[in-house]
C-alpha atoms as a PDB file:
ATOM      1  CA  MET A   1    -199.710 -69.404  47.308  1.00  0.00           C
ATOM      2  CA  THR A   2    -198.381 -66.009  48.404  1.00  0.00           C
ATOM      3  CA  PRO A   3    -194.995 -65.974  50.302  1.00  0.00           C
ATOM      4  CA  ALA A   4    -195.078 -64.711  53.834  1.00  0.00           C
ATOM      5  CA  PRO A   5    -193.856 -61.147  54.265  1.00  0.00           C
ATOM      6  CA  ILE A   6    -190.434 -60.621  55.895  1.00  0.00           C
ATOM      7  CA  SER A   7    -190.710 -59.200  59.343  1.00  0.00           C
ATOM      8  CA  PRO A   8    -188.883 -55.968  60.285  1.00  0.00           C
ATOM      9  CA  GLN A   9    -186.955 -57.833  62.952  1.00  0.00           C
ATOM     10  CA  ILE A  10    -185.355 -60.128  60.381  1.00  0.00           C
ATOM     11  CA  LEU A  11    -184.384 -57.140  58.234  1.00  0.00           C
ATOM     12  CA  HIS A  12    -182.856 -55.440  61.238  1.00  0.00           C
ATOM     13  CA  VAL A  13    -180.814 -58.574  62.068  1.00  0.00           C
ATOM     14  CA  ASN A  14    -179.528 -58.816  58.497  1.00  0.00           C
ATOM     15  CA  LYS A  15    -178.504 -55.176  58.558  1.00  0.00           C
ATOM     16  CA  VAL A  16    -176.651 -55.627  61.831  1.00  0.00           C
ATOM     17  CA  MET A  17    -174.853 -58.698  60.533  1.00  0.00           C
ATOM     18  CA  SER A  18    -173.801 -56.860  57.362  1.00  0.00           C
ATOM     19  CA  ILE A  19    -172.374 -54.016  59.424  1.00  0.00           C
ATOM     20  CA  PHE A  20    -170.614 -56.546  61.644  1.00  0.00           C
ATOM     21  CA  PHE A  21    -168.959 -58.286  58.698  1.00  0.00           C
ATOM     22  CA  TYR A  22    -167.964 -54.906  57.208  1.00  0.00           C
ATOM     23  CA  VAL A  23    -166.304 -53.945  60.511  1.00  0.00           C
ATOM     24  CA  ILE A  24    -164.483 -57.292  60.636  1.00  0.00           C
ATOM     25  CA  PHE A  25    -163.267 -56.786  57.034  1.00  0.00           C
ATOM     26  CA  LEU A  26    -161.997 -53.283  57.815  1.00  0.00           C
ATOM     27  CA  ALA A  27    -160.236 -54.626  60.898  1.00  0.00           C
ATOM     28  CA  TYR A  28    -158.623 -57.323  58.778  1.00  0.00           C
ATOM     29  CA  LEU A  29    -157.358 -54.763  56.257  1.00  0.00           C
ATOM     30  CA  ARG A  30    -156.104 -52.563  59.089  1.00  0.00           C
ATOM     31  CA  GLY A  31    -154.227 -55.508  60.580  1.00  0.00           C
ATOM     32  CA  ILE A  32    -152.557 -56.320  57.257  1.00  0.00           C
ATOM     33  CA  GLN A  33    -151.466 -52.713  56.720  1.00  0.00           C
ATOM     34  CA  SER A  34    -150.215 -52.477  60.287  1.00  0.00           C
ATOM     35  CA  THR A  35    -148.071 -55.572  59.780  1.00  0.00           C
ATOM     36  CA  ASN A  36    -146.573 -54.198  56.554  1.00  0.00           C
ATOM     37  CA  MET A  37    -145.774 -50.866  58.221  1.00  0.00           C
ATOM     38  CA  ASP A  38    -143.906 -52.515  61.096  1.00  0.00           C
ATOM     39  CA  GLN A  39    -146.918 -52.252  63.409  1.00  0.00           C
ATOM     40  CA  ARG A  40    -146.858 -48.447  63.375  1.00  0.00           C
ATOM     41  CA  SER A  41    -150.115 -46.650  64.114  1.00  0.00           C
ATOM     42  CA  LEU A  42    -152.153 -45.693  61.084  1.00  0.00           C
ATOM     43  CA  PRO A  43    -153.717 -42.308  60.553  1.00  0.00           C
ATOM     44  CA  GLU A  44    -157.458 -42.013  60.668  1.00  0.00           C
ATOM     45  CA  GLU A  45    -157.781 -41.830  56.899  1.00  0.00           C
ATOM     46  CA  SER A  46    -155.284 -44.648  56.143  1.00  0.00           C
ATOM     47  CA  LEU A  47    -157.983 -46.905  54.742  1.00  0.00           C
ATOM     48  CA  ASN A  48    -159.218 -44.160  52.480  1.00  0.00           C
ATOM     49  CA  SER A  49    -155.648 -43.541  51.341  1.00  0.00           C
ATOM     50  CA  LEU A  50    -155.208 -47.234  50.608  1.00  0.00           C
ATOM     51  CA  ILE A  51    -158.364 -47.298  48.519  1.00  0.00           C
ATOM     52  CA  ILE A  52    -157.258 -44.173  46.646  1.00  0.00           C
ATOM     53  CA  LYS A  53    -153.856 -45.721  45.933  1.00  0.00           C
ATOM     54  CA  LEU A  54    -155.486 -48.871  44.604  1.00  0.00           C
ATOM     55  CA  ILE A  55    -157.697 -46.798  42.330  1.00  0.00           C
ATOM     56  CA  GLN A  56    -154.693 -44.769  41.138  1.00  0.00           C
ATOM     57  CA  ALA A  57    -152.712 -47.945  40.451  1.00  0.00           C
ATOM     58  CA  ASP A  58    -155.571 -49.290  38.378  1.00  0.00           C
ATOM     59  CA  ILE A  59    -155.759 -46.009  36.438  1.00  0.00           C
ATOM     60  CA  LEU A  60    -151.993 -46.037  35.806  1.00  0.00           C
ATOM     61  CA  LYS A  61    -152.204 -49.624  34.642  1.00  0.00           C
ATOM     62  CA  ASN A  62    -154.895 -48.697  32.149  1.00  0.00           C
ATOM     63  CA  LYS A  63    -152.832 -45.732  30.941  1.00  0.00           C
ATOM     64  CA  ALA A  64    -149.719 -47.894  30.519  1.00  0.00           C
ATOM     65  CA  SER A  65    -151.681 -50.441  28.520  1.00  0.00           C
ATOM     66  CA  LYS A  66    -153.036 -47.676  26.328  1.00  0.00           C
ATOM     67  CA  GLN A  67    -149.559 -46.208  25.798  1.00  0.00           C
ATOM     68  CA  MET A  68    -148.141 -49.598  24.828  1.00  0.00           C
ATOM     69  CA  GLU A  69    -150.959 -50.056  22.366  1.00  0.00           C
ATOM     70  CA  ASP A  70    -150.292 -46.597  20.892  1.00  0.00           C
ATOM     71  CA  ILE A  71    -146.583 -47.380  20.537  1.00  0.00           C
ATOM     72  CA  LYS A  72    -147.392 -50.651  18.810  1.00  0.00           C
ATOM     73  CA  ASN A  73    -149.694 -48.838  16.397  1.00  0.00           C
ATOM     74  CA  ASN A  74    -147.014 -46.212  15.687  1.00  0.00           C
ATOM     75  CA  VAL A  75    -144.445 -48.899  14.934  1.00  0.00           C
ATOM     76  CA  GLN A  76    -146.831 -50.637  12.572  1.00  0.00           C
ATOM     77  CA  ASN A  77    -147.584 -47.363  10.795  1.00  0.00           C
ATOM     78  CA  THR A  78    -143.865 -46.614  10.471  1.00  0.00           C
ATOM     79  CA  MET A  79    -143.182 -50.041   8.986  1.00  0.00           C
ATOM     80  CA  LYS A  80    -145.979 -49.470   6.483  1.00  0.00           C
ATOM     81  CA  LYS A  81    -144.418 -46.132   5.469  1.00  0.00           C
ATOM     82  CA  ILE A  82    -141.022 -47.780   5.050  1.00  0.00           C
ATOM     83  CA  ASP A  83    -142.574 -50.425   2.825  1.00  0.00           C
ATOM     84  CA  ILE A  84    -144.159 -47.678   0.742  1.00  0.00           C
ATOM     85  CA  ILE A  85    -140.914 -45.703   0.180  1.00  0.00           C
ATOM     86  CA  GLU A  86    -138.698 -48.797  -0.168  1.00  0.00           C
ATOM     87  CA  PRO A  87    -138.658 -48.675  -4.017  1.00  0.00           C
ATOM     88  CA  ASP A  88    -137.233 -45.123  -3.888  1.00  0.00           C
ATOM     89  CA  ILE A  89    -134.490 -46.296  -1.556  1.00  0.00           C
ATOM     90  CA  ASP A  90    -133.623 -49.131  -3.926  1.00  0.00           C
ATOM     91  CA  VAL A  91    -133.383 -46.698  -6.840  1.00  0.00           C
ATOM     92  CA  ASN A  92    -130.947 -44.361  -5.060  1.00  0.00           C
ATOM     93  CA  GLU A  93    -129.145 -47.011  -3.027  1.00  0.00           C
ATOM     94  CA  ASN A  94    -126.180 -47.469  -5.363  1.00  0.00           C
ATOM     95  CA  MET A  95    -125.559 -43.733  -5.691  1.00  0.00           C
ATOM     96  CA  LYS A  96    -125.654 -43.173  -1.917  1.00  0.00           C
ATOM     97  CA  LEU A  97    -123.430 -46.139  -1.161  1.00  0.00           C
ATOM     98  CA  ASP A  98    -120.894 -45.057  -3.776  1.00  0.00           C
ATOM     99  CA  PHE A  99    -120.783 -41.540  -2.374  1.00  0.00           C
ATOM    100  CA  GLN A 100    -120.296 -42.744   1.189  1.00  0.00           C
ATOM    101  CA  THR A 101    -117.629 -45.207   0.070  1.00  0.00           C
ATOM    102  CA  VAL A 102    -115.665 -42.480  -1.692  1.00  0.00           C
ATOM    103  CA  ILE A 103    -115.642 -40.226   1.373  1.00  0.00           C
ATOM    104  CA  SER A 104    -114.684 -43.057   3.715  1.00  0.00           C
ATOM    105  CA  MET A 105    -112.067 -44.357   1.284  1.00  0.00           C
ATOM    106  CA  GLU A 106    -110.321 -40.984   0.895  1.00  0.00           C
ATOM    107  CA  THR A 107    -110.261 -40.456   4.643  1.00  0.00           C
ATOM    108  CA  GLU A 108    -108.834 -43.908   5.259  1.00  0.00           C
ATOM    109  CA  LEU A 109    -106.203 -43.553   2.519  1.00  0.00           C
ATOM    110  CA  LEU A 110    -105.008 -40.238   3.876  1.00  0.00           C
ATOM    111  CA  ARG A 111    -104.881 -41.671   7.381  1.00  0.00           C
ATOM    112  CA  GLN A 112    -102.654 -44.506   6.110  1.00  0.00           C
ATOM    113  CA  GLN A 113    -100.253 -42.132   4.343  1.00  0.00           C
ATOM    114  CA  LYS A 114     -97.727 -41.961   7.188  1.00  0.00           C
ATOM    115  CA  HIS A 115     -97.852 -45.713   7.721  1.00  0.00           C
ATOM    116  CA  TYR A 116     -97.294 -46.545   4.040  1.00  0.00           C
ATOM    117  CA  SER A 117     -95.014 -43.658   3.080  1.00  0.00           C
ATOM    118  CA  SER A 118     -91.682 -44.418   1.392  1.00  0.00           C
ATOM    119  CA  PRO A 119     -88.625 -42.131   1.101  1.00  0.00           C
ATOM    120  CA  ARG A 120     -88.827 -42.526  -2.676  1.00  0.00           C
ATOM    121  CA  VAL A 121     -92.516 -41.568  -2.904  1.00  0.00           C
ATOM    122  CA  LEU A 122     -93.636 -38.016  -2.245  1.00  0.00           C
ATOM    123  CA  LEU A 123     -97.108 -36.454  -2.189  1.00  0.00           C
ATOM    124  CA  SER A 124     -96.697 -32.748  -2.816  1.00  0.00           C
ATOM    125  CA  ASP A 125     -98.338 -29.826  -4.572  1.00  0.00           C
ATOM    126  CA  ASN A 126     -94.928 -28.642  -5.852  1.00  0.00           C
ATOM    127  CA  THR A 127     -92.271 -30.436  -7.870  1.00  0.00           C
ATOM    128  CA  PRO A 128     -89.391 -31.419  -5.516  1.00  0.00           C
ATOM    129  CA  LEU A 129     -86.011 -29.873  -6.358  1.00  0.00           C
ATOM    130  CA  GLU A 130     -83.779 -31.967  -4.076  1.00  0.00           C
ATOM    131  CA  PRO A 131     -83.394 -35.671  -3.302  1.00  0.00           C
ATOM    132  CA  PRO A 132     -85.280 -37.088  -0.327  1.00  0.00           C
ATOM    133  CA  PRO A 133     -83.747 -36.128   3.049  1.00  0.00           C
ATOM    134  CA  LEU A 134     -82.784 -39.738   3.777  1.00  0.00           C
ATOM    135  CA  TYR A 135     -80.631 -39.961   0.636  1.00  0.00           C
ATOM    136  CA  LEU A 136     -79.073 -36.563   1.258  1.00  0.00           C
ATOM    137  CA  MET A 137     -78.041 -37.809   4.693  1.00  0.00           C
ATOM    138  CA  GLU A 138     -76.567 -41.017   3.261  1.00  0.00           C
ATOM    139  CA  GLU A 139     -74.497 -39.055   0.743  1.00  0.00           C
ATOM    140  CA  TYR A 140     -73.258 -36.758   3.475  1.00  0.00           C
ATOM    141  CA  VAL A 141     -72.319 -39.612   5.811  1.00  0.00           C
ATOM    142  CA  GLY A 142     -70.643 -41.576   3.020  1.00  0.00           C
ATOM    143  CA  SER A 143     -68.468 -38.683   1.961  1.00  0.00           C
ATOM    144  CA  SER A 144     -67.580 -37.323   5.397  1.00  0.00           C
ATOM    145  CA  GLY A 145     -67.705 -40.231   7.800  1.00  0.00           C
ATOM    146  CA  VAL A 146     -63.940 -40.252   8.499  1.00  0.00           C
ATOM    147  CA  MET A 147     -63.430 -36.482   8.644  1.00  0.00           C
ATOM    148  CA  ASN A 148     -63.521 -34.178  11.618  1.00  0.00           C
ATOM    149  CA  ARG A 149     -65.559 -31.004  11.748  1.00  0.00           C
ATOM    150  CA  THR A 150     -62.727 -28.487  11.456  1.00  0.00           C
ATOM    151  CA  SER A 151     -61.158 -29.631   8.176  1.00  0.00           C
ATOM    152  CA  ARG A 152     -63.916 -31.644   6.542  1.00  0.00           C
ATOM    153  CA  ARG A 153     -63.850 -30.029   3.081  1.00  0.00           C
ATOM    154  CA  ARG A 154     -60.047 -29.804   2.711  1.00  0.00           C
ATOM    155  CA  ARG A 155     -59.389 -33.365   3.819  1.00  0.00           C
ATOM    156  CA  PHE A 156     -62.249 -34.664   1.671  1.00  0.00           C
ATOM    157  CA  ALA A 157     -60.725 -33.070  -1.454  1.00  0.00           C
ATOM    158  CA  GLU A 158     -57.271 -34.440  -0.661  1.00  0.00           C
ATOM    159  CA  THR A 159     -58.537 -37.924   0.130  1.00  0.00           C
ATOM    160  CA  LYS A 160     -60.691 -38.050  -2.982  1.00  0.00           C
ATOM    161  CA  SER A 161     -57.797 -37.117  -5.226  1.00  0.00           C
ATOM    162  CA  HIS A 162     -55.512 -39.807  -3.770  1.00  0.00           C
ATOM    163  CA  ARG A 163     -57.958 -42.667  -3.332  1.00  0.00           C
ATOM    164  CA  GLY A 164     -58.970 -43.035  -6.924  1.00  0.00           C
ATOM    165  CA  GLU A 165     -62.386 -44.402  -5.969  1.00  0.00           C
ATOM    166  CA  TYR A 166     -64.706 -45.159  -8.842  1.00  0.00           C
ATOM    167  CA  SER A 167     -68.107 -46.724  -9.032  1.00  0.00           C
ATOM    168  CA  VAL A 168     -68.430 -50.052 -10.804  1.00  0.00           C
ATOM    169  CA  CYS A 169     -71.461 -48.658 -12.629  1.00  0.00           C
ATOM    170  CA  ASP A 170     -72.531 -45.086 -13.210  1.00  0.00           C
ATOM    171  CA  SER A 171     -76.048 -44.242 -12.065  1.00  0.00           C
ATOM    172  CA  GLU A 172     -78.302 -41.228 -12.116  1.00  0.00           C
ATOM    173  CA  SER A 173     -81.230 -40.343  -9.877  1.00  0.00           C
ATOM    174  CA  ARG A 174     -84.104 -37.971 -10.506  1.00  0.00           C
ATOM    175  CA  TRP A 175     -87.689 -37.272  -9.558  1.00  0.00           C
ATOM    176  CA  VAL A 176     -90.150 -38.846 -11.996  1.00  0.00           C
ATOM    177  CA  THR A 177     -93.107 -36.498 -12.353  1.00  0.00           C
ATOM    178  CA  ASP A 178     -95.140 -38.205 -15.066  1.00  0.00           C
ATOM    179  CA  LYS A 179     -95.449 -41.821 -13.945  1.00  0.00           C
ATOM    180  CA  SER A 180     -98.809 -43.130 -15.115  1.00  0.00           C
ATOM    181  CA  SER A 181     -98.569 -46.932 -14.846  1.00  0.00           C
ATOM    182  CA  ALA A 182     -96.581 -49.588 -13.030  1.00  0.00           C
ATOM    183  CA  ILE A 183     -96.430 -53.305 -12.243  1.00  0.00           C
ATOM    184  CA  ASP A 184     -97.635 -54.270  -8.785  1.00  0.00           C
ATOM    185  CA  ILE A 185     -96.373 -57.076  -6.570  1.00  0.00           C
ATOM    186  CA  ARG A 186     -98.841 -59.533  -8.138  1.00  0.00           C
ATOM    187  CA  GLY A 187     -97.572 -58.807 -11.634  1.00  0.00           C
ATOM    188  CA  HIS A 188    -100.659 -56.817 -12.624  1.00  0.00           C
ATOM    189  CA  GLN A 189    -100.439 -53.522 -14.433  1.00  0.00           C
ATOM    190  CA  VAL A 190    -102.008 -50.735 -12.382  1.00  0.00           C
ATOM    191  CA  THR A 191    -102.633 -47.058 -12.934  1.00  0.00           C
ATOM    192  CA  VAL A 192    -100.624 -44.631 -10.815  1.00  0.00           C
ATOM    193  CA  LEU A 193    -102.799 -41.784  -9.573  1.00  0.00           C
ATOM    194  CA  GLY A 194    -101.570 -38.493 -10.962  1.00  0.00           C
ATOM    195  CA  GLU A 195    -103.517 -36.180  -8.654  1.00  0.00           C
ATOM    196  CA  ILE A 196    -105.024 -36.824  -5.254  1.00  0.00           C
ATOM    197  CA  LYS A 197    -107.495 -34.506  -3.568  1.00  0.00           C
ATOM    198  CA  MET A 198    -106.085 -33.611  -0.176  1.00  0.00           C
ATOM    199  CA  GLY A 199    -107.521 -30.639   1.661  1.00  0.00           C
ATOM    200  CA  THR A 200    -108.135 -27.544  -0.432  1.00  0.00           C
ATOM    201  CA  SER A 201    -105.620 -28.204  -3.215  1.00  0.00           C
ATOM    202  CA  PRO A 202    -104.760 -31.401  -5.139  1.00  0.00           C
ATOM    203  CA  VAL A 203    -101.344 -33.000  -4.750  1.00  0.00           C
ATOM    204  CA  LYS A 204     -99.304 -35.166  -7.102  1.00  0.00           C
ATOM    205  CA  GLN A 205     -97.219 -38.295  -6.634  1.00  0.00           C
ATOM    206  CA  TYR A 206     -93.504 -38.064  -7.344  1.00  0.00           C
ATOM    207  CA  PHE A 207     -91.090 -40.996  -7.470  1.00  0.00           C
ATOM    208  CA  TYR A 208     -87.365 -40.723  -6.829  1.00  0.00           C
ATOM    209  CA  GLU A 209     -85.866 -43.292  -9.227  1.00  0.00           C
ATOM    210  CA  THR A 210     -82.287 -44.406  -9.834  1.00  0.00           C
ATOM    211  CA  LYS A 211     -81.106 -46.126 -13.016  1.00  0.00           C
ATOM    212  CA  CYS A 212     -77.911 -46.862 -14.942  1.00  0.00           C
ATOM    213  CA  LYS A 213     -76.482 -44.217 -17.217  1.00  0.00           C
ATOM    214  CA  GLN A 214     -75.156 -46.840 -19.611  1.00  0.00           C
ATOM    215  CA  ALA A 215     -74.862 -50.631 -19.754  1.00  0.00           C
ATOM    216  CA  LYS A 216     -71.065 -50.666 -20.236  1.00  0.00           C
ATOM    217  CA  PRO A 217     -69.196 -47.789 -18.613  1.00  0.00           C
ATOM    218  CA  ALA A 218     -65.936 -49.497 -19.599  1.00  0.00           C
ATOM    219  CA  LYS A 219     -65.024 -51.098 -22.901  1.00  0.00           C
ATOM    220  CA  SER A 220     -65.432 -54.600 -21.547  1.00  0.00           C
ATOM    221  CA  GLY A 221     -68.418 -53.965 -19.292  1.00  0.00           C
ATOM    222  CA  CYS A 222     -68.503 -52.940 -15.643  1.00  0.00           C
ATOM    223  CA  ARG A 223     -65.635 -50.847 -14.442  1.00  0.00           C
ATOM    224  CA  GLY A 224     -62.849 -52.730 -12.621  1.00  0.00           C
ATOM    225  CA  ILE A 225     -63.995 -56.250 -13.560  1.00  0.00           C
ATOM    226  CA  ASP A 226     -61.487 -58.771 -14.961  1.00  0.00           C
ATOM    227  CA  ASP A 227     -62.803 -59.245 -18.469  1.00  0.00           C
ATOM    228  CA  LYS A 228     -60.604 -62.287 -19.030  1.00  0.00           C
ATOM    229  CA  HIS A 229     -62.721 -64.390 -16.738  1.00  0.00           C
ATOM    230  CA  TRP A 230     -65.994 -62.476 -16.423  1.00  0.00           C
ATOM    231  CA  ASN A 231     -68.669 -61.042 -18.588  1.00  0.00           C
ATOM    232  CA  SER A 232     -70.163 -57.973 -16.947  1.00  0.00           C
ATOM    233  CA  GLN A 233     -72.894 -55.500 -17.639  1.00  0.00           C
ATOM    234  CA  CYS A 234     -74.568 -52.714 -15.659  1.00  0.00           C
ATOM    235  CA  LYS A 235     -78.279 -53.250 -15.144  1.00  0.00           C
ATOM    236  CA  THR A 236     -80.959 -51.184 -13.480  1.00  0.00           C
ATOM    237  CA  SER A 237     -82.448 -52.930 -10.450  1.00  0.00           C
ATOM    238  CA  GLN A 238     -85.961 -52.421  -9.161  1.00  0.00           C
ATOM    239  CA  THR A 239     -87.614 -52.689  -5.789  1.00  0.00           C
ATOM    240  CA  PHE A 240     -91.112 -52.243  -4.388  1.00  0.00           C
ATOM    241  CA  VAL A 241     -92.552 -49.089  -2.843  1.00  0.00           C
ATOM    242  CA  ARG A 242     -96.033 -48.164  -1.688  1.00  0.00           C
ATOM    243  CA  ALA A 243     -98.007 -45.857  -3.970  1.00  0.00           C
ATOM    244  CA  LEU A 244    -101.588 -44.800  -4.524  1.00  0.00           C
ATOM    245  CA  THR A 245    -102.865 -46.728  -7.521  1.00  0.00           C
ATOM    246  CA  SER A 246    -106.073 -47.944  -9.092  1.00  0.00           C
ATOM    247  CA  GLU A 247    -106.842 -51.154 -10.936  1.00  0.00           C
ATOM    248  CA  ASN A 248    -109.295 -51.127 -13.849  1.00  0.00           C
ATOM    249  CA  ASN A 249    -110.144 -47.498 -13.025  1.00  0.00           C
ATOM    250  CA  LYS A 250    -111.460 -48.488  -9.595  1.00  0.00           C
ATOM    251  CA  LEU A 251    -110.331 -50.021  -6.313  1.00  0.00           C
ATOM    252  CA  VAL A 252    -108.064 -47.136  -5.302  1.00  0.00           C
ATOM    253  CA  ALA A 253    -105.587 -48.292  -2.655  1.00  0.00           C
ATOM    254  CA  TRP A 254    -101.986 -48.295  -1.502  1.00  0.00           C
ATOM    255  CA  ARG A 255    -100.200 -51.001  -3.490  1.00  0.00           C
ATOM    256  CA  TRP A 256     -96.643 -52.265  -3.817  1.00  0.00           C
ATOM    257  CA  ILE A 257     -95.320 -51.248  -7.226  1.00  0.00           C
ATOM    258  CA  ARG A 258     -91.943 -51.670  -8.901  1.00  0.00           C
ATOM    259  CA  ILE A 259     -89.715 -48.652  -9.564  1.00  0.00           C
ATOM    260  CA  ASP A 260     -86.051 -48.253 -10.568  1.00  0.00           C
ATOM    261  CA  THR A 261     -83.957 -47.838  -7.430  1.00  0.00           C
ATOM    262  CA  SER A 262     -80.324 -48.784  -8.177  1.00  0.00           C
ATOM    263  CA  CYS A 263     -77.714 -49.743 -10.769  1.00  0.00           C
ATOM    264  CA  VAL A 264     -75.860 -53.014 -10.223  1.00  0.00           C
ATOM    265  CA  CYS A 265     -73.212 -54.978 -12.076  1.00  0.00           C
ATOM    266  CA  ALA A 266     -74.381 -58.339 -13.405  1.00  0.00           C
ATOM    267  CA  LEU A 267     -71.598 -60.934 -13.764  1.00  0.00           C
ATOM    268  CA  SER A 268     -71.372 -64.211 -15.641  1.00  0.00           C
ATOM    269  CA  ARG A 269     -68.320 -66.462 -15.872  1.00  0.00           C
ATOM    270  CA  LYS A 270     -66.815 -66.850 -19.306  1.00  0.00           C
ATOM    271  CA  ILE A 271     -66.980 -70.355 -20.756  1.00  0.00           C
ATOM    272  CA  GLY A 272     -63.673 -72.238 -20.616  1.00  0.00           C
ATOM    273  CA  ARG A 273     -62.244 -69.933 -17.935  1.00  0.00           C
ATOM    274  CA  THR A 274     -61.442 -71.115 -14.422  1.00  0.00           C
END
């Protein structure tokens, strides 16, 4: 059975209804945009602009997705390259780390020089000819503390001749230029660095040490000690100073080491004496 043909009137009604719904939809969109724009009047081509913006937003979204995918692919390719060259990095890793450690270590050690410096330790490219400034000042103050400025030398000579001051033990001080080993604060033997690269020219470590000239400056021992009741002997005393050292030819650092710094009189009471 053949379906009845659609009359032109019905087609015309459908067309009118479609146009009517399209107009209602456009009015609805216009109302929404008017509300969002604080009920301001829209230009004639506002709907076209809105459609264009929506299309542009969709295009930008597609571009962003594509860019993110490209970035992800680049990261994956980079990781693959790193995996490929990783064996070469492992081969040269120790050499690079050692080189960087040496540079950093030298810089840090030189930065700590002022903090760890001692009056008895000197880093210099020339052999020092005089005692450290601190000890020169102490000698000057000790010999001229009670004298005025106008007659310092004359009064010092007169006072010295009448006082009869003598040291209990005789000592001597000098710069040690060839110190190669020492005992650190833990009791370990360490190597004292002879030359240190600093700037353009290397410098050496010098140690200002003080020790006894002899164990018994007097016949009985220390000078001025009652030998009837005391046994006495002059002994070199040591103290700790900071110095650049290495242990087992590595681990270069500032360490506390023992050096000769004074001469003292050691006493012991004689048995049977009170």
